[in-house]
């Protein structure tokens, strides 16, 4: 049988009990190993992202594609300049 391994990404700055609760839940669901993958923090605010969207600048790679799609479908932040 294949081994189930979980990868939990984030800045973990700092690692706290909430992270451990999520990892424990994954373990209880059958993950035999959980790897914490530290990723860099983006120094960008939601205000800047909203301004960029309002001025039709790309926010790709800064937020998930599904969030960009939701923003576009619902025409959010277009009149905030």
C-alpha atoms as a PDB file:
ATOM      1  CA  UNK A   1       0.000   0.000   0.000  1.00  0.00           C
ATOM      2  CA  UNK A   2       1.205   3.515  -0.828  1.00  0.00           C
ATOM      3  CA  UNK A   3       2.501   5.679   1.976  1.00  0.00           C
ATOM      4  CA  UNK A   4       0.511   8.874   2.596  1.00  0.00           C
ATOM      5  CA  UNK A   5       2.674  11.919   3.254  1.00  0.00           C
ATOM      6  CA  UNK A   6       1.354  15.381   4.104  1.00  0.00           C
ATOM      7  CA  UNK A   7       3.098  18.632   3.184  1.00  0.00           C
ATOM      8  CA  UNK A   8       2.052  21.683   5.183  1.00  0.00           C
ATOM      9  CA  UNK A   9       3.383  24.949   3.749  1.00  0.00           C
ATOM     10  CA  UNK A  10       3.500  28.334   5.411  1.00  0.00           C
ATOM     11  CA  UNK A  11       5.752  30.908   7.006  1.00  0.00           C
ATOM     12  CA  UNK A  12       5.343  29.339  10.472  1.00  0.00           C
ATOM     13  CA  UNK A  13       6.448  32.605  12.009  1.00  0.00           C
ATOM     14  CA  UNK A  14       6.212  31.315  14.643  1.00  0.00           C
ATOM     15  CA  UNK A  15       4.997  27.714  14.550  1.00  0.00           C
ATOM     16  CA  UNK A  16       2.061  27.576  16.977  1.00  0.00           C
ATOM     17  CA  UNK A  17      -0.577  25.230  18.366  1.00  0.00           C
ATOM     18  CA  UNK A  18      -2.945  25.924  15.440  1.00  0.00           C
ATOM     19  CA  UNK A  19      -0.410  24.486  13.002  1.00  0.00           C
ATOM     20  CA  UNK A  20       0.000  21.413  15.175  1.00  0.00           C
ATOM     21  CA  UNK A  21      -3.779  20.902  15.391  1.00  0.00           C
ATOM     22  CA  UNK A  22      -4.040  20.917  11.579  1.00  0.00           C
ATOM     23  CA  UNK A  23      -1.089  18.513  11.286  1.00  0.00           C
ATOM     24  CA  UNK A  24      -2.643  16.197  13.857  1.00  0.00           C
ATOM     25  CA  UNK A  25      -5.940  16.203  11.926  1.00  0.00           C
ATOM     26  CA  UNK A  26      -4.054  15.167   8.758  1.00  0.00           C
ATOM     27  CA  UNK A  27      -2.294  12.416  10.700  1.00  0.00           C
ATOM     28  CA  UNK A  28      -5.652  11.159  12.012  1.00  0.00           C
ATOM     29  CA  UNK A  29      -6.932  11.088   8.408  1.00  0.00           C
ATOM     30  CA  UNK A  30      -4.155   8.688   7.455  1.00  0.00           C
ATOM     31  CA  UNK A  31      -1.004  10.682   6.729  1.00  0.00           C
ATOM     32  CA  UNK A  32       1.945   8.660   7.998  1.00  0.00           C
ATOM     33  CA  UNK A  33       4.313  11.632   7.837  1.00  0.00           C
ATOM     34  CA  UNK A  34       3.740  15.385   7.923  1.00  0.00           C
ATOM     35  CA  UNK A  35       6.427  17.682   6.519  1.00  0.00           C
ATOM     36  CA  UNK A  36       6.391  21.362   7.477  1.00  0.00           C
ATOM     37  CA  UNK A  37       7.634  23.313   4.463  1.00  0.00           C
ATOM     38  CA  UNK A  38       8.629  26.832   5.407  1.00  0.00           C
ATOM     39  CA  UNK A  39       7.844  29.331   2.657  1.00  0.00           C
ATOM     40  CA  UNK A  40       8.848  32.988   2.482  1.00  0.00           C
ATOM     41  CA  UNK A  41       6.444  35.635   3.629  1.00  0.00           C
ATOM     42  CA  UNK A  42       5.239  38.142   1.058  1.00  0.00           C
ATOM     43  CA  UNK A  43       5.609  41.704   2.232  1.00  0.00           C
ATOM     44  CA  UNK A  44       2.498  42.987   0.510  1.00  0.00           C
ATOM     45  CA  UNK A  45      -0.749  44.270   1.938  1.00  0.00           C
ATOM     46  CA  UNK A  46      -4.316  43.602   0.856  1.00  0.00           C
ATOM     47  CA  UNK A  47      -4.710  47.353   0.290  1.00  0.00           C
ATOM     48  CA  UNK A  48      -1.957  47.270  -2.338  1.00  0.00           C
ATOM     49  CA  UNK A  49      -3.510  44.206  -3.982  1.00  0.00           C
ATOM     50  CA  UNK A  50      -6.913  45.927  -4.174  1.00  0.00           C
ATOM     51  CA  UNK A  51      -5.316  49.036  -5.722  1.00  0.00           C
ATOM     52  CA  UNK A  52      -3.489  46.914  -8.288  1.00  0.00           C
ATOM     53  CA  UNK A  53      -6.701  45.102  -9.210  1.00  0.00           C
ATOM     54  CA  UNK A  54      -8.539  48.437  -9.506  1.00  0.00           C
ATOM     55  CA  UNK A  55      -5.867  49.674 -11.937  1.00  0.00           C
ATOM     56  CA  UNK A  56      -5.866  46.386 -13.919  1.00  0.00           C
ATOM     57  CA  UNK A  57      -2.376  45.349 -12.756  1.00  0.00           C
ATOM     58  CA  UNK A  58      -1.716  41.630 -12.451  1.00  0.00           C
ATOM     59  CA  UNK A  59      -1.768  40.012  -9.012  1.00  0.00           C
ATOM     60  CA  UNK A  60      -0.985  36.545 -10.410  1.00  0.00           C
ATOM     61  CA  UNK A  61       1.381  34.575  -8.158  1.00  0.00           C
ATOM     62  CA  UNK A  62       0.490  36.841  -5.229  1.00  0.00           C
ATOM     63  CA  UNK A  63      -2.896  35.264  -4.534  1.00  0.00           C
ATOM     64  CA  UNK A  64      -4.408  31.949  -5.646  1.00  0.00           C
ATOM     65  CA  UNK A  65      -5.912  31.762  -9.150  1.00  0.00           C
ATOM     66  CA  UNK A  66      -9.266  30.751  -7.634  1.00  0.00           C
ATOM     67  CA  UNK A  67      -9.332  34.025  -5.667  1.00  0.00           C
ATOM     68  CA  UNK A  68      -8.506  36.027  -8.806  1.00  0.00           C
ATOM     69  CA  UNK A  69     -11.346  34.250 -10.628  1.00  0.00           C
ATOM     70  CA  UNK A  70     -13.772  35.038  -7.793  1.00  0.00           C
ATOM     71  CA  UNK A  71     -12.737  38.705  -7.804  1.00  0.00           C
ATOM     72  CA  UNK A  72     -13.219  38.898 -11.576  1.00  0.00           C
ATOM     73  CA  UNK A  73     -16.559  37.054 -11.601  1.00  0.00           C
ATOM     74  CA  UNK A  74     -17.950  39.364  -8.919  1.00  0.00           C
ATOM     75  CA  UNK A  75     -16.271  42.473 -10.354  1.00  0.00           C
ATOM     76  CA  UNK A  76     -14.675  43.357  -7.024  1.00  0.00           C
ATOM     77  CA  UNK A  77     -12.363  46.325  -6.382  1.00  0.00           C
ATOM     78  CA  UNK A  78     -12.863  47.793  -9.864  1.00  0.00           C
ATOM     79  CA  UNK A  79     -14.117  51.167  -8.625  1.00  0.00           C
ATOM     80  CA  UNK A  80     -11.680  51.779  -5.775  1.00  0.00           C
ATOM     81  CA  UNK A  81      -9.066  53.995  -7.450  1.00  0.00           C
END
